[in-house]
């Protein structure tokens, strides 16, 4: 009985891979089988949560500021190239925003779209380096389970789209996401360049809003097919639409913790109550870390590079409300937590 079941499962798998997938991409790198992608995703999860943290456990944090500048520059250019590819292969005048079936032909436009989708798939692997850089700098608080799940699942999700529907309606998600990554990685590049340049990225709060609007546009665009006849696989439409909803809630939670709750806490500190509580119970570090980035462990949140933050005149050079961070003192007049700067200036890539 078990052998029959295994045989049936194998026949179903071969039929899915050989007869129901897009034959144009069958022989492309990483496309013949889902197992290489699955193996890389599983190794990424193991590396991020176990292997790499153990390797860095007794080592000092690495200074990667120059590497981060070049890495984020590369990601900015790579994202811009992918975004341009999506425009040129359909979304600039050829595709319909209401309903766009997949063009499975071998026309130049259809093949260019398929190649652009493949490069977008590859970009999900280059984003693994975001996590690596966190760990090498010993910023493990950003490598949360949600962060790893997000980055670990995205390559396989995109592989499915690439294997069966490399084009059409749902590539709107990749188009928007690539554009957001242009802005986001440019922000991280400037942030990593140091305090001299950080005055030019005052728009961090608006980047978070922009990311949330992206997800609203994505699930709205996807779910319109629930009310419109369209020759596009409904499964992919629902899957990507649910991604948009999930990430919208995630980013909304971050926005609330980062800006709304932070504003309330700052107001309370100005009245003296929060300051007395922080000094009295020694929880300044925990509350400040949560307020400034500990809820962002699952996606591409705009939090700045900690290496670019310095102490100025005995105070921590934080965000625009850095004065509040600089006044978290012990009773002897020193800063209550020497790592306050790292709690308030963490460079975090993620999004999804």
Protein backbone atom coordinates (compact mmCIF):
# COMPACT_ATOMS: atom_id res chain seq x y z
CA UNK A 1 0.00 0.00 0.00
CA UNK A 2 2.78 2.40 0.92
CA UNK A 3 4.65 1.60 -2.29
CA UNK A 4 1.54 2.29 -4.36
CA UNK A 5 1.07 5.62 -2.60
CA UNK A 6 4.70 6.59 -3.19
CA UNK A 7 4.40 5.55 -6.84
CA UNK A 8 1.29 7.68 -7.28
CA UNK A 9 2.98 10.64 -5.63
CA UNK A 10 5.99 10.28 -7.92
CA UNK A 11 3.76 10.08 -11.01
CA UNK A 12 1.92 13.21 -9.87
CA UNK A 13 5.23 15.01 -9.31
CA UNK A 14 6.59 14.04 -12.74
CA UNK A 15 3.35 15.12 -14.43
CA UNK A 16 3.50 18.45 -12.60
CA UNK A 17 7.13 19.11 -13.51
CA UNK A 18 7.06 17.76 -17.07
CA UNK A 19 3.59 18.51 -18.39
CA UNK A 20 2.09 21.36 -16.38
CA UNK A 21 5.06 23.66 -16.00
CA UNK A 22 6.32 26.19 -18.54
CA UNK A 23 8.50 24.24 -21.02
CA UNK A 24 10.42 27.42 -21.94
CA UNK A 25 12.15 27.58 -18.56
CA UNK A 26 12.61 23.85 -17.93
CA UNK A 27 16.33 23.84 -18.68
CA UNK A 28 17.16 27.19 -17.10
CA UNK A 29 19.46 27.21 -14.04
CA UNK A 30 17.64 26.05 -10.87
CA UNK A 31 14.39 25.49 -12.78
CA UNK A 32 14.34 21.78 -13.54
CA UNK A 33 13.58 20.78 -9.94
CA UNK A 34 12.39 22.53 -6.77
CA UNK A 35 14.92 20.70 -4.60
CA UNK A 36 17.97 22.97 -5.14
CA UNK A 37 15.87 25.95 -4.12
CA UNK A 38 14.43 24.09 -1.14
CA UNK A 39 17.91 22.99 -0.08
CA UNK A 40 19.23 26.57 -0.19
CA UNK A 41 16.24 27.84 1.79
CA UNK A 42 16.66 25.17 4.46
CA UNK A 43 20.41 25.80 4.68
CA UNK A 44 19.74 29.54 4.97
CA UNK A 45 17.45 28.92 7.94
CA UNK A 46 19.97 26.60 9.64
CA UNK A 47 22.85 28.98 8.91
CA UNK A 48 20.94 32.02 10.20
CA UNK A 49 19.56 30.53 13.40
CA UNK A 50 22.31 28.10 14.39
CA UNK A 51 25.56 27.84 12.43
CA UNK A 52 26.46 31.50 11.98
CA UNK A 53 25.46 32.70 15.49
CA UNK A 54 27.61 29.91 17.01
CA UNK A 55 30.52 30.90 14.76
CA UNK A 56 30.29 34.53 15.94
CA UNK A 57 29.48 33.73 19.57
CA UNK A 58 33.01 34.33 20.90
CA UNK A 59 34.15 36.69 18.19
CA UNK A 60 34.00 40.46 18.07
CA UNK A 61 31.51 42.22 15.78
CA UNK A 62 32.94 42.94 12.37
CA UNK A 63 33.18 46.45 10.97
CA UNK A 64 31.42 46.10 7.63
CA UNK A 65 30.53 49.71 6.89
CA UNK A 66 32.40 49.91 3.56
CA UNK A 67 31.08 46.51 2.51
CA UNK A 68 27.54 47.60 3.39
CA UNK A 69 27.87 50.71 1.23
CA UNK A 70 28.93 48.69 -1.82
CA UNK A 71 26.45 45.90 -1.13
CA UNK A 72 23.53 48.30 -0.90
CA UNK A 73 24.75 50.13 -4.00
CA UNK A 74 24.78 46.82 -5.88
CA UNK A 75 21.29 45.94 -4.62
CA UNK A 76 20.00 49.39 -5.63
CA UNK A 77 21.34 49.01 -9.18
CA UNK A 78 20.22 45.37 -9.42
CA UNK A 79 16.69 46.28 -8.31
CA UNK A 80 16.58 49.18 -10.78
CA UNK A 81 17.64 46.87 -13.61
CA UNK A 82 14.93 44.33 -12.72
CA UNK A 83 12.32 47.09 -12.44
CA UNK A 84 13.32 48.39 -15.90
CA UNK A 85 13.09 44.84 -17.25
CA UNK A 86 9.51 44.47 -16.00
CA UNK A 87 8.55 47.77 -17.57
CA UNK A 88 10.11 46.94 -20.93
CA UNK A 89 8.74 43.39 -21.06
CA UNK A 90 5.11 44.25 -20.46
CA UNK A 91 4.14 46.77 -17.82
CA UNK A 92 4.97 49.88 -19.84
CA UNK A 93 2.07 49.96 -22.24
CA UNK A 94 1.54 46.27 -23.10
CA UNK A 95 0.04 44.73 -19.96
CA UNK A 96 -3.45 45.36 -18.61
CA UNK A 97 -3.83 46.28 -14.95
CA UNK A 98 -7.28 44.65 -14.93
CA UNK A 99 -6.44 41.22 -16.31
CA UNK A 100 -3.22 39.96 -17.81
CA UNK A 101 -2.87 36.31 -18.83
CA UNK A 102 0.55 34.72 -19.08
CA UNK A 103 2.06 34.80 -22.56
CA UNK A 104 3.61 31.35 -22.95
CA UNK A 105 4.82 32.03 -26.50
CA UNK A 106 8.44 32.46 -27.50
CA UNK A 107 7.98 35.99 -28.76
CA UNK A 108 10.76 38.44 -27.81
CA UNK A 109 8.49 40.27 -25.35
CA UNK A 110 7.31 37.07 -23.65
CA UNK A 111 10.84 35.69 -23.38
CA UNK A 112 12.13 38.95 -21.97
CA UNK A 113 9.44 38.82 -19.29
CA UNK A 114 10.42 35.24 -18.41
CA UNK A 115 14.10 36.23 -18.13
CA UNK A 116 13.20 39.20 -15.94
CA UNK A 117 11.21 36.91 -13.65
CA UNK A 118 14.23 34.62 -13.39
CA UNK A 119 16.49 37.49 -12.33
CA UNK A 120 13.90 38.55 -9.77
CA UNK A 121 14.04 34.99 -8.45
CA UNK A 122 17.84 35.24 -8.19
CA UNK A 123 17.51 38.53 -6.28
CA UNK A 124 15.74 36.66 -3.47
CA UNK A 125 19.02 34.81 -2.89
CA UNK A 126 21.19 37.95 -2.91
CA UNK A 127 18.95 39.25 -0.14
CA UNK A 128 20.24 36.43 2.08
CA UNK A 129 23.31 38.60 2.60
CA UNK A 130 21.19 41.02 4.64
CA UNK A 131 20.96 38.35 7.32
CA UNK A 132 24.63 37.41 7.03
CA UNK A 133 25.70 41.00 7.64
CA UNK A 134 23.49 41.23 10.73
CA UNK A 135 25.10 38.15 12.20
CA UNK A 136 28.68 39.17 11.36
CA UNK A 137 28.00 42.47 13.12
CA UNK A 138 26.39 40.55 16.02
CA UNK A 139 22.99 42.16 15.54
CA UNK A 140 21.19 38.88 16.13
CA UNK A 141 18.15 40.59 17.60
CA UNK A 142 17.16 41.40 14.01
CA UNK A 143 17.46 37.79 12.88
CA UNK A 144 14.15 36.82 14.38
CA UNK A 145 12.22 33.72 13.43
CA UNK A 146 9.83 35.85 11.39
CA UNK A 147 12.74 37.47 9.54
CA UNK A 148 14.18 34.05 8.67
CA UNK A 149 10.81 32.66 7.61
CA UNK A 150 10.22 35.65 5.35
CA UNK A 151 13.60 35.50 3.60
CA UNK A 152 13.68 31.72 3.62
CA UNK A 153 10.27 31.25 2.00
CA UNK A 154 10.43 33.97 -0.66
CA UNK A 155 12.85 32.16 -3.04
CA UNK A 156 10.61 29.10 -3.17
CA UNK A 157 7.46 31.20 -3.60
CA UNK A 158 9.05 33.03 -6.52
CA UNK A 159 10.36 29.72 -7.92
CA UNK A 160 6.79 28.44 -8.12
CA UNK A 161 5.71 31.48 -10.08
CA UNK A 162 8.76 31.23 -12.31
CA UNK A 163 8.20 27.53 -13.00
CA UNK A 164 4.51 27.73 -13.87
CA UNK A 165 3.62 31.35 -14.66
CA UNK A 166 6.64 33.52 -15.56
CA UNK A 167 4.64 36.55 -16.61
CA UNK A 168 1.15 37.92 -16.51
CA UNK A 169 -1.00 39.39 -13.78
CA UNK A 170 1.03 38.61 -10.65
CA UNK A 171 4.27 40.10 -11.97
CA UNK A 172 2.77 43.41 -10.83
CA UNK A 173 3.89 42.32 -7.36
CA UNK A 174 7.50 41.95 -8.51
CA UNK A 175 7.32 45.24 -10.42
CA UNK A 176 6.27 47.19 -7.33
CA UNK A 177 8.56 45.28 -5.01
CA UNK A 178 11.57 45.98 -7.23
CA UNK A 179 10.78 49.69 -7.24
CA UNK A 180 10.47 49.76 -3.45
CA UNK A 181 13.80 47.96 -3.18
CA UNK A 182 15.45 50.67 -5.28
CA UNK A 183 14.37 53.29 -2.75
CA UNK A 184 14.99 51.07 0.26
CA UNK A 185 18.51 49.93 -0.62
CA UNK A 186 19.46 53.49 -1.57
CA UNK A 187 18.31 54.52 1.90
CA UNK A 188 20.46 51.83 3.53
CA UNK A 189 23.45 52.80 1.40
CA UNK A 190 23.26 56.43 2.52
CA UNK A 191 22.70 55.34 6.12
CA UNK A 192 25.82 53.16 6.04
CA UNK A 193 27.89 56.09 4.76
CA UNK A 194 27.82 57.70 8.18
CA UNK A 195 26.38 60.68 10.09
CA UNK A 196 27.68 63.17 7.52
CA UNK A 197 25.17 61.87 4.99
CA UNK A 198 22.31 60.82 7.23
CA UNK A 199 20.81 64.29 7.20
CA UNK A 200 19.71 63.49 3.64
CA UNK A 201 17.53 60.53 4.72
CA UNK A 202 15.07 62.38 6.90
CA UNK A 203 12.31 60.61 4.97
CA UNK A 204 12.74 57.27 6.76
CA UNK A 205 9.23 57.46 8.23
CA UNK A 206 7.74 58.01 4.78
CA UNK A 207 9.61 55.00 3.42
CA UNK A 208 7.70 52.80 5.85
CA UNK A 209 4.44 54.38 4.69
CA UNK A 210 5.48 53.82 1.09
CA UNK A 211 6.12 50.16 1.82
CA UNK A 212 2.69 49.76 3.38
CA UNK A 213 1.04 51.41 0.37
CA UNK A 214 2.88 48.91 -1.82
CA UNK A 215 1.16 46.01 -0.10
CA UNK A 216 -2.26 47.65 -0.31
CA UNK A 217 -1.73 48.08 -4.06
CA UNK A 218 -0.56 44.46 -4.39
CA UNK A 219 -3.48 42.73 -2.71
CA UNK A 220 -6.00 45.12 -4.29
CA UNK A 221 -4.58 44.38 -7.73
CA UNK A 222 -4.52 40.63 -7.12
CA UNK A 223 -7.94 40.21 -5.53
CA UNK A 224 -9.77 42.07 -8.28
CA UNK A 225 -9.64 38.79 -10.20
CA UNK A 226 -12.06 37.36 -7.64
CA UNK A 227 -14.69 39.55 -9.30
CA UNK A 228 -13.44 39.46 -12.88
CA UNK A 229 -13.03 36.65 -15.39
CA UNK A 230 -9.39 36.31 -16.34
CA UNK A 231 -7.34 33.50 -17.84
CA UNK A 232 -4.76 33.56 -15.07
CA UNK A 233 -4.07 30.84 -12.44
CA UNK A 234 -6.25 31.72 -9.46
CA UNK A 235 -3.91 29.94 -7.05
CA UNK A 236 -1.05 32.35 -7.73
CA UNK A 237 -3.38 35.31 -7.47
CA UNK A 238 -4.64 34.25 -4.02
CA UNK A 239 -1.14 33.33 -2.78
CA UNK A 240 0.38 36.69 -3.67
CA UNK A 241 -2.65 38.61 -2.44
CA UNK A 242 -2.32 36.91 0.96
CA UNK A 243 1.37 37.86 1.00
CA UNK A 244 0.33 41.48 0.58
CA UNK A 245 -2.13 41.30 3.48
CA UNK A 246 0.36 39.55 5.78
CA UNK A 247 3.13 42.06 5.15
CA UNK A 248 0.75 44.98 5.49
CA UNK A 249 -0.12 43.89 9.02
CA UNK A 250 3.54 43.31 9.80
CA UNK A 251 4.61 46.74 8.60
CA UNK A 252 1.65 48.37 10.33
CA UNK A 253 2.75 46.82 13.61
CA UNK A 254 6.27 48.15 13.04
CA UNK A 255 4.97 51.62 12.15
CA UNK A 256 2.84 51.74 15.28
CA UNK A 257 5.71 50.64 17.53
CA UNK A 258 8.30 52.81 15.83
CA UNK A 259 6.48 56.09 15.40
CA UNK A 260 3.15 56.21 17.24
CA UNK A 261 4.23 54.49 20.45
CA UNK A 262 7.63 56.14 20.28
CA UNK A 263 5.98 59.56 20.16
CA UNK A 264 3.86 58.72 23.20
CA UNK A 265 6.87 57.45 25.12
CA UNK A 266 8.87 60.55 24.29
CA UNK A 267 6.01 62.74 25.49
CA UNK A 268 5.87 60.75 28.72
CA UNK A 269 9.60 61.15 29.21
CA UNK A 270 9.32 64.88 28.78
CA UNK A 271 6.87 64.83 31.66
CA UNK A 272 9.40 62.91 33.72
CA UNK A 273 7.41 59.73 34.31
CA UNK A 274 9.12 57.48 31.77
CA UNK A 275 12.56 58.64 32.85
CA UNK A 276 11.93 57.84 36.51
CA UNK A 277 10.55 54.42 35.55
CA UNK A 278 13.61 53.67 33.40
CA UNK A 279 16.03 54.63 36.17
CA UNK A 280 14.02 52.91 38.89
CA UNK A 281 13.58 49.51 37.31
CA UNK A 282 16.53 49.38 34.92
CA UNK A 283 14.36 48.64 31.89
CA UNK A 284 15.45 51.53 29.73
CA UNK A 285 17.33 49.27 27.39
CA UNK A 286 14.45 46.84 26.83
CA UNK A 287 11.79 49.48 26.25
CA UNK A 288 14.01 51.59 24.04
CA UNK A 289 15.03 48.61 21.91
CA UNK A 290 11.42 47.61 21.37
CA UNK A 291 10.47 51.16 20.53
CA UNK A 292 13.25 51.52 17.99
CA UNK A 293 13.38 48.28 16.08
CA UNK A 294 12.77 45.07 17.95
CA UNK A 295 9.37 44.63 16.31
CA UNK A 296 10.88 44.75 12.85
CA UNK A 297 12.17 41.24 12.69
CA UNK A 298 10.22 40.00 9.73
CA UNK A 299 10.54 42.21 6.72
CA UNK A 300 12.32 45.10 5.10
CA UNK A 301 12.07 47.75 7.76
CA UNK A 302 13.76 51.16 7.42
CA UNK A 303 16.07 51.15 10.44
CA UNK A 304 19.42 52.83 10.15
CA UNK A 305 22.93 51.46 10.40
CA UNK A 306 24.25 51.32 13.92
CA UNK A 307 27.83 51.74 12.75
CA UNK A 308 27.02 55.21 11.56
CA UNK A 309 25.91 56.40 14.99
CA UNK A 310 28.45 58.12 17.28
CA UNK A 311 28.52 59.80 20.67
CA UNK A 312 28.58 63.56 20.55
CA UNK A 313 29.42 65.59 23.65
CA UNK A 314 28.67 62.69 25.95
CA UNK A 315 25.25 62.07 24.43
CA UNK A 316 24.13 59.43 21.98
CA UNK A 317 23.68 60.74 18.49
CA UNK A 318 20.31 59.09 17.72
CA UNK A 319 17.38 60.05 15.53
CA UNK A 320 15.75 63.46 15.57
CA UNK A 321 14.58 62.68 19.06
CA UNK A 322 18.10 61.62 20.02
CA UNK A 323 18.13 63.98 22.93
CA UNK A 324 15.69 61.70 24.69
CA UNK A 325 18.06 58.79 24.19
CA UNK A 326 21.00 60.85 25.42
CA UNK A 327 19.24 61.56 28.70
CA UNK A 328 18.78 57.94 29.77
CA UNK A 329 21.24 58.16 32.67
CA UNK A 330 22.01 56.24 35.80
CA UNK A 331 22.06 58.03 39.12
CA UNK A 332 25.81 58.67 38.70
CA UNK A 333 25.19 60.68 35.54
CA UNK A 334 26.47 58.17 33.01
CA UNK A 335 24.52 56.70 30.14
CA UNK A 336 22.43 53.86 31.55
CA UNK A 337 23.11 51.58 28.64
CA UNK A 338 26.31 51.84 26.68
CA UNK A 339 24.66 50.21 23.72
CA UNK A 340 21.85 52.71 23.44
CA UNK A 341 23.22 53.81 20.13
CA UNK A 342 22.99 50.31 18.71
CA UNK A 343 19.46 49.94 20.07
CA UNK A 344 18.38 53.07 18.24
CA UNK A 345 20.31 52.94 15.03
CA UNK A 346 20.04 49.41 13.78
CA UNK A 347 20.47 48.85 10.09
CA UNK A 348 17.79 46.49 8.93
CA UNK A 349 17.09 45.53 5.46
CA UNK A 350 14.29 43.28 5.14
CA UNK A 351 10.39 43.10 3.27
CA UNK A 352 8.81 41.65 1.93
